[in-house]
Amino acid sequence: MTTTTTPVAPTRLLTLDEVRARTGMGRTFLYALAQAGAIRRARIGRSVRFVEADVEAWVQARIAEGQHTAAGRG
């Protein structure tokens, strides 16, 4: 019997500085997001990294909220 596996895209991890550059948010706010479960983080040794897909999803959700709010005005 042959087993096939579906390739999984690698999970890209971002440093705090990379996330800050993408979001414009500060360190405390980003750690609070992670604590609340809005974005996942991973501890690697003494370093903390954030899951890129979660950061991107959070940014896109904020954009969608802004568009929804703006569309409701008028």
PDB file of N, CA and C in Angstrom:
ATOM      1  N   MET A   1       0.841  -1.158   0.000  1.00  0.00           N
ATOM      2  CA  MET A   1       0.000   0.000   0.000  1.00  0.00           C
ATOM      3  C   MET A   1       0.898   1.237   0.000  1.00  0.00           C
ATOM      4  N   THR A   2       0.549   2.218  -0.825  1.00  0.00           N
ATOM      5  CA  THR A   2       1.324   3.451  -0.926  1.00  0.00           C
ATOM      6  C   THR A   2       0.595   4.562  -0.180  1.00  0.00           C
ATOM      7  N   THR A   3       1.332   5.252   0.638  1.00  0.00           N
ATOM      8  CA  THR A   3       0.762   6.379   1.376  1.00  0.00           C
ATOM      9  C   THR A   3       1.279   7.668   0.765  1.00  0.00           C
ATOM     10  N   THR A   4       0.362   8.571   0.483  1.00  0.00           N
ATOM     11  CA  THR A   4       0.777   9.871  -0.039  1.00  0.00           C
ATOM     12  C   THR A   4       0.550  10.918   1.036  1.00  0.00           C
ATOM     13  N   THR A   5       1.436  11.830   1.084  1.00  0.00           N
ATOM     14  CA  THR A   5       1.278  12.927   2.037  1.00  0.00           C
ATOM     15  C   THR A   5       1.159  14.224   1.268  1.00  0.00           C
ATOM     16  N   THR A   6       0.323  15.077   1.772  1.00  0.00           N
ATOM     17  CA  THR A   6       0.152  16.383   1.160  1.00  0.00           C
ATOM     18  C   THR A   6       1.208  17.312   1.730  1.00  0.00           C
ATOM     19  N   PRO A   7       1.961  17.972   0.872  1.00  0.00           N
ATOM     20  CA  PRO A   7       2.981  18.881   1.390  1.00  0.00           C
ATOM     21  C   PRO A   7       2.327  20.022   2.175  1.00  0.00           C
ATOM     22  N   VAL A   8       2.929  20.365   3.264  1.00  0.00           N
ATOM     23  CA  VAL A   8       2.431  21.437   4.108  1.00  0.00           C
ATOM     24  C   VAL A   8       3.355  22.635   3.930  1.00  0.00           C
ATOM     25  N   ALA A   9       2.732  23.786   3.726  1.00  0.00           N
ATOM     26  CA  ALA A   9       3.540  24.992   3.593  1.00  0.00           C
ATOM     27  C   ALA A   9       4.238  25.270   4.916  1.00  0.00           C
ATOM     28  N   PRO A  10       5.485  25.649   4.868  1.00  0.00           N
ATOM     29  CA  PRO A  10       6.198  25.925   6.117  1.00  0.00           C
ATOM     30  C   PRO A  10       5.590  27.123   6.827  1.00  0.00           C
ATOM     31  N   THR A  11       5.584  27.064   8.135  1.00  0.00           N
ATOM     32  CA  THR A  11       5.084  28.169   8.940  1.00  0.00           C
ATOM     33  C   THR A  11       6.214  29.174   9.099  1.00  0.00           C
ATOM     34  N   ARG A  12       5.980  30.370   8.662  1.00  0.00           N
ATOM     35  CA  ARG A  12       7.008  31.410   8.778  1.00  0.00           C
ATOM     36  C   ARG A  12       6.811  32.143  10.091  1.00  0.00           C
ATOM     37  N   LEU A  13       7.894  32.320  10.804  1.00  0.00           N
ATOM     38  CA  LEU A  13       7.866  33.020  12.073  1.00  0.00           C
ATOM     39  C   LEU A  13       8.530  34.383  11.927  1.00  0.00           C
ATOM     40  N   LEU A  14       7.934  35.370  12.572  1.00  0.00           N
ATOM     41  CA  LEU A  14       8.429  36.736  12.491  1.00  0.00           C
ATOM     42  C   LEU A  14       8.953  37.196  13.840  1.00  0.00           C
ATOM     43  N   THR A  15       9.956  38.045  13.808  1.00  0.00           N
ATOM     44  CA  THR A  15      10.451  38.645  15.038  1.00  0.00           C
ATOM     45  C   THR A  15       9.485  39.754  15.471  1.00  0.00           C
ATOM     46  N   LEU A  16       9.640  40.187  16.697  1.00  0.00           N
ATOM     47  CA  LEU A  16       8.824  41.295  17.199  1.00  0.00           C
ATOM     48  C   LEU A  16       9.014  42.530  16.331  1.00  0.00           C
ATOM     49  N   ASP A  17      10.244  42.828  15.955  1.00  0.00           N
ATOM     50  CA  ASP A  17      10.504  44.004  15.121  1.00  0.00           C
ATOM     51  C   ASP A  17       9.823  43.897  13.759  1.00  0.00           C
ATOM     52  N   GLU A  18       9.793  42.697  13.183  1.00  0.00           N
ATOM     53  CA  GLU A  18       9.105  42.511  11.897  1.00  0.00           C
ATOM     54  C   GLU A  18       7.603  42.734  12.043  1.00  0.00           C
ATOM     55  N   VAL A  19       7.034  42.245  13.129  1.00  0.00           N
ATOM     56  CA  VAL A  19       5.592  42.425  13.358  1.00  0.00           C
ATOM     57  C   VAL A  19       5.296  43.902  13.615  1.00  0.00           C
ATOM     58  N   ARG A  20       6.142  44.557  14.373  1.00  0.00           N
ATOM     59  CA  ARG A  20       5.953  45.989  14.631  1.00  0.00           C
ATOM     60  C   ARG A  20       6.004  46.783  13.329  1.00  0.00           C
ATOM     61  N   ALA A  21       6.913  46.431  12.431  1.00  0.00           N
ATOM     62  CA  ALA A  21       7.030  47.124  11.150  1.00  0.00           C
ATOM     63  C   ALA A  21       5.783  46.909  10.290  1.00  0.00           C
ATOM     64  N   ARG A  22       5.221  45.724  10.334  1.00  0.00           N
ATOM     65  CA  ARG A  22       4.033  45.420   9.520  1.00  0.00           C
ATOM     66  C   ARG A  22       2.767  46.063  10.065  1.00  0.00           C
ATOM     67  N   THR A  23       2.672  46.155  11.382  1.00  0.00           N
ATOM     68  CA  THR A  23       1.420  46.613  11.993  1.00  0.00           C
ATOM     69  C   THR A  23       1.457  48.049  12.489  1.00  0.00           C
ATOM     70  N   GLY A  24       2.638  48.534  12.797  1.00  0.00           N
ATOM     71  CA  GLY A  24       2.740  49.859  13.389  1.00  0.00           C
ATOM     72  C   GLY A  24       2.377  49.872  14.865  1.00  0.00           C
ATOM     73  N   MET A  25       2.183  48.687  15.427  1.00  0.00           N
ATOM     74  CA  MET A  25       1.803  48.570  16.835  1.00  0.00           C
ATOM     75  C   MET A  25       3.035  48.379  17.707  1.00  0.00           C
ATOM     76  N   GLY A  26       2.879  48.705  18.966  1.00  0.00           N
ATOM     77  CA  GLY A  26       3.981  48.601  19.903  1.00  0.00           C
ATOM     78  C   GLY A  26       4.116  47.220  20.517  1.00  0.00           C
ATOM     79  N   ARG A  27       5.215  47.055  21.199  1.00  0.00           N
ATOM     80  CA  ARG A  27       5.581  45.777  21.828  1.00  0.00           C
ATOM     81  C   ARG A  27       4.507  45.289  22.807  1.00  0.00           C
ATOM     82  N   THR A  28       4.082  46.155  23.713  1.00  0.00           N
ATOM     83  CA  THR A  28       3.108  45.767  24.734  1.00  0.00           C
ATOM     84  C   THR A  28       1.793  45.336  24.102  1.00  0.00           C
ATOM     85  N   PHE A  29       1.337  46.083  23.097  1.00  0.00           N
ATOM     86  CA  PHE A  29       0.086  45.745  22.425  1.00  0.00           C
ATOM     87  C   PHE A  29       0.178  44.389  21.739  1.00  0.00           C
ATOM     88  N   LEU A  30       1.307  44.133  21.082  1.00  0.00           N
ATOM     89  CA  LEU A  30       1.468  42.862  20.369  1.00  0.00           C
ATOM     90  C   LEU A  30       1.527  41.679  21.330  1.00  0.00           C
ATOM     91  N   TYR A  31       2.215  41.850  22.444  1.00  0.00           N
ATOM     92  CA  TYR A  31       2.242  40.782  23.442  1.00  0.00           C
ATOM     93  C   TYR A  31       0.845  40.563  24.031  1.00  0.00           C
ATOM     94  N   ALA A  32       0.072  41.626  24.192  1.00  0.00           N
ATOM     95  CA  ALA A  32      -1.303  41.489  24.687  1.00  0.00           C
ATOM     96  C   ALA A  32      -2.166  40.731  23.680  1.00  0.00           C
ATOM     97  N   LEU A  33      -1.975  41.001  22.384  1.00  0.00           N
ATOM     98  CA  LEU A  33      -2.701  40.246  21.344  1.00  0.00           C
ATOM     99  C   LEU A  33      -2.377  38.762  21.442  1.00  0.00           C
ATOM    100  N   ALA A  34      -1.110  38.460  21.623  1.00  0.00           N
ATOM    101  CA  ALA A  34      -0.689  37.063  21.730  1.00  0.00           C
ATOM    102  C   ALA A  34      -1.283  36.426  22.990  1.00  0.00           C
ATOM    103  N   GLN A  35      -1.266  37.162  24.086  1.00  0.00           N
ATOM    104  CA  GLN A  35      -1.820  36.653  25.346  1.00  0.00           C
ATOM    105  C   GLN A  35      -3.312  36.361  25.213  1.00  0.00           C
ATOM    106  N   ALA A  36      -4.008  37.212  24.444  1.00  0.00           N
ATOM    107  CA  ALA A  36      -5.450  37.047  24.228  1.00  0.00           C
ATOM    108  C   ALA A  36      -5.765  35.946  23.213  1.00  0.00           C
ATOM    109  N   GLY A  37      -4.743  35.446  22.522  1.00  0.00           N
ATOM    110  CA  GLY A  37      -4.948  34.383  21.543  1.00  0.00           C
ATOM    111  C   GLY A  37      -5.261  34.871  20.143  1.00  0.00           C
ATOM    112  N   ALA A  38      -5.144  36.175  19.912  1.00  0.00           N
ATOM    113  CA  ALA A  38      -5.434  36.723  18.587  1.00  0.00           C
ATOM    114  C   ALA A  38      -4.349  36.363  17.579  1.00  0.00           C
ATOM    115  N   ILE A  39      -3.120  36.263  18.047  1.00  0.00           N
ATOM    116  CA  ILE A  39      -2.015  35.803  17.207  1.00  0.00           C
ATOM    117  C   ILE A  39      -1.178  34.823  18.028  1.00  0.00           C
ATOM    118  N   ARG A  40      -0.695  33.794  17.363  1.00  0.00           N
ATOM    119  CA  ARG A  40       0.120  32.797  18.064  1.00  0.00           C
ATOM    120  C   ARG A  40       1.569  33.229  18.099  1.00  0.00           C
ATOM    121  N   ARG A  41       2.238  32.814  19.152  1.00  0.00           N
ATOM    122  CA  ARG A  41       3.668  33.072  19.265  1.00  0.00           C
ATOM    123  C   ARG A  41       4.359  31.783  19.676  1.00  0.00           C
ATOM    124  N   ALA A  42       5.622  31.728  19.366  1.00  0.00           N
ATOM    125  CA  ALA A  42       6.420  30.559  19.727  1.00  0.00           C
ATOM    126  C   ALA A  42       7.680  31.040  20.419  1.00  0.00           C
ATOM    127  N   ARG A  43       8.045  30.360  21.460  1.00  0.00           N
ATOM    128  CA  ARG A  43       9.287  30.674  22.157  1.00  0.00           C
ATOM    129  C   ARG A  43      10.340  29.698  21.639  1.00  0.00           C
ATOM    130  N   ILE A  44      11.424  30.258  21.161  1.00  0.00           N
ATOM    131  CA  ILE A  44      12.546  29.467  20.663  1.00  0.00           C
ATOM    132  C   ILE A  44      13.759  29.911  21.470  1.00  0.00           C
ATOM    133  N   GLY A  45      14.130  29.076  22.415  1.00  0.00           N
ATOM    134  CA  GLY A  45      15.179  29.486  23.341  1.00  0.00           C
ATOM    135  C   GLY A  45      14.691  30.667  24.142  1.00  0.00           C
ATOM    136  N   ARG A  46      15.429  31.749  24.105  1.00  0.00           N
ATOM    137  CA  ARG A  46      15.022  32.957  24.808  1.00  0.00           C
ATOM    138  C   ARG A  46      14.288  33.933  23.897  1.00  0.00           C
ATOM    139  N   SER A  47      14.143  33.582  22.634  1.00  0.00           N
ATOM    140  CA  SER A  47      13.495  34.458  21.657  1.00  0.00           C
ATOM    141  C   SER A  47      12.022  34.129  21.509  1.00  0.00           C
ATOM    142  N   VAL A  48      11.251  35.128  21.142  1.00  0.00           N
ATOM    143  CA  VAL A  48       9.829  34.949  20.854  1.00  0.00           C
ATOM    144  C   VAL A  48       9.621  35.275  19.381  1.00  0.00           C
ATOM    145  N   ARG A  49       8.865  34.422  18.704  1.00  0.00           N
ATOM    146  CA  ARG A  49       8.519  34.647  17.308  1.00  0.00           C
ATOM    147  C   ARG A  49       7.002  34.569  17.165  1.00  0.00           C
ATOM    148  N   PHE A  50       6.478  35.305  16.196  1.00  0.00           N
ATOM    149  CA  PHE A  50       5.044  35.350  15.951  1.00  0.00           C
ATOM    150  C   PHE A  50       4.740  34.669  14.617  1.00  0.00           C
ATOM    151  N   VAL A  51       3.618  33.977  14.544  1.00  0.00           N
ATOM    152  CA  VAL A  51       3.226  33.252  13.333  1.00  0.00           C
ATOM    153  C   VAL A  51       2.741  34.260  12.282  1.00  0.00           C
ATOM    154  N   GLU A  52       3.431  34.293  11.152  1.00  0.00           N
ATOM    155  CA  GLU A  52       3.150  35.269  10.102  1.00  0.00           C
ATOM    156  C   GLU A  52       1.696  35.216   9.639  1.00  0.00           C
ATOM    157  N   ALA A  53       1.151  34.032   9.436  1.00  0.00           N
ATOM    158  CA  ALA A  53      -0.228  33.901   8.950  1.00  0.00           C
ATOM    159  C   ALA A  53      -1.221  34.530   9.931  1.00  0.00           C
ATOM    160  N   ASP A  54      -0.962  34.395  11.226  1.00  0.00           N
ATOM    161  CA  ASP A  54      -1.847  34.996  12.231  1.00  0.00           C
ATOM    162  C   ASP A  54      -1.761  36.513  12.201  1.00  0.00           C
ATOM    163  N   VAL A  55      -0.554  37.019  12.042  1.00  0.00           N
ATOM    164  CA  VAL A  55      -0.365  38.474  11.973  1.00  0.00           C
ATOM    165  C   VAL A  55      -1.088  39.020  10.747  1.00  0.00           C
ATOM    166  N   GLU A  56      -0.912  38.357   9.615  1.00  0.00           N
ATOM    167  CA  GLU A  56      -1.562  38.800   8.383  1.00  0.00           C
ATOM    168  C   GLU A  56      -3.080  38.734   8.506  1.00  0.00           C
ATOM    169  N   ALA A  57      -3.603  37.676   9.104  1.00  0.00           N
ATOM    170  CA  ALA A  57      -5.052  37.545   9.298  1.00  0.00           C
ATOM    171  C   ALA A  57      -5.579  38.663  10.195  1.00  0.00           C
ATOM    172  N   TRP A  58      -4.825  39.001  11.234  1.00  0.00           N
ATOM    173  CA  TRP A  58      -5.233  40.068  12.142  1.00  0.00           C
ATOM    174  C   TRP A  58      -5.274  41.406  11.398  1.00  0.00           C
ATOM    175  N   VAL A  59      -4.253  41.675  10.585  1.00  0.00           N
ATOM    176  CA  VAL A  59      -4.209  42.920   9.813  1.00  0.00           C
ATOM    177  C   VAL A  59      -5.386  42.977   8.840  1.00  0.00           C
ATOM    178  N   GLN A  60      -5.635  41.891   8.120  1.00  0.00           N
ATOM    179  CA  GLN A  60      -6.739  41.858   7.154  1.00  0.00           C
ATOM    180  C   GLN A  60      -8.090  42.054   7.844  1.00  0.00           C
ATOM    181  N   ALA A  61      -8.256  41.498   9.024  1.00  0.00           N
ATOM    182  CA  ALA A  61      -9.500  41.671   9.783  1.00  0.00           C
ATOM    183  C   ALA A  61      -9.690  43.135  10.168  1.00  0.00           C
ATOM    184  N   ARG A  62      -8.600  43.810  10.551  1.00  0.00           N
ATOM    185  CA  ARG A  62      -8.700  45.237  10.891  1.00  0.00           C
ATOM    186  C   ARG A  62      -9.077  46.043   9.658  1.00  0.00           C
ATOM    187  N   ILE A  63      -8.524  45.693   8.502  1.00  0.00           N
ATOM    188  CA  ILE A  63      -8.864  46.386   7.255  1.00  0.00           C
ATOM    189  C   ILE A  63     -10.338  46.174   6.936  1.00  0.00           C
ATOM    190  N   ALA A  64     -10.806  44.935   7.051  1.00  0.00           N
ATOM    191  CA  ALA A  64     -12.211  44.622   6.767  1.00  0.00           C
ATOM    192  C   ALA A  64     -13.142  45.374   7.721  1.00  0.00           C
ATOM    193  N   GLU A  65     -12.761  45.450   8.994  1.00  0.00           N
ATOM    194  CA  GLU A  65     -13.579  46.195   9.958  1.00  0.00           C
ATOM    195  C   GLU A  65     -13.672  47.661   9.555  1.00  0.00           C
ATOM    196  N   GLY A  66     -12.569  48.223   9.125  1.00  0.00           N
ATOM    197  CA  GLY A  66     -12.546  49.622   8.711  1.00  0.00           C
ATOM    198  C   GLY A  66     -13.420  49.861   7.494  1.00  0.00           C
ATOM    199  N   GLN A  67     -13.386  48.934   6.548  1.00  0.00           N
ATOM    200  CA  GLN A  67     -14.214  49.071   5.352  1.00  0.00           C
ATOM    201  C   GLN A  67     -15.682  48.922   5.709  1.00  0.00           C
ATOM    202  N   HIS A  68     -15.985  47.995   6.606  1.00  0.00           N
ATOM    203  CA  HIS A  68     -17.374  47.776   7.032  1.00  0.00           C
ATOM    204  C   HIS A  68     -17.898  49.014   7.746  1.00  0.00           C
ATOM    205  N   THR A  69     -17.086  49.568   8.636  1.00  0.00           N
ATOM    206  CA  THR A  69     -17.484  50.749   9.387  1.00  0.00           C
ATOM    207  C   THR A  69     -17.677  51.933   8.449  1.00  0.00           C
ATOM    208  N   ALA A  70     -16.756  52.117   7.504  1.00  0.00           N
ATOM    209  CA  ALA A  70     -16.848  53.227   6.569  1.00  0.00           C
ATOM    210  C   ALA A  70     -18.070  53.081   5.654  1.00  0.00           C
ATOM    211  N   ALA A  71     -18.414  51.858   5.277  1.00  0.00           N
ATOM    212  CA  ALA A  71     -19.559  51.622   4.382  1.00  0.00           C
ATOM    213  C   ALA A  71     -20.860  51.929   5.109  1.00  0.00           C
ATOM    214  N   GLY A  72     -20.878  51.768   6.425  1.00  0.00           N
ATOM    215  CA  GLY A  72     -22.088  52.024   7.200  1.00  0.00           C
ATOM    216  C   GLY A  72     -22.368  53.505   7.432  1.00  0.00           C
ATOM    217  N   ARG A  73     -21.372  54.326   7.169  1.00  0.00           N
ATOM    218  CA  ARG A  73     -21.549  55.776   7.333  1.00  0.00           C
ATOM    219  C   ARG A  73     -22.103  56.369   6.057  1.00  0.00           C
ATOM    220  N   GLY A  74     -22.791  57.451   6.184  1.00  0.00           N
ATOM    221  CA  GLY A  74     -23.193  58.060   4.947  1.00  0.00           C
ATOM    222  C   GLY A  74     -24.282  58.943   5.119  1.00  0.00           C
TER     223      GLY A  74
END
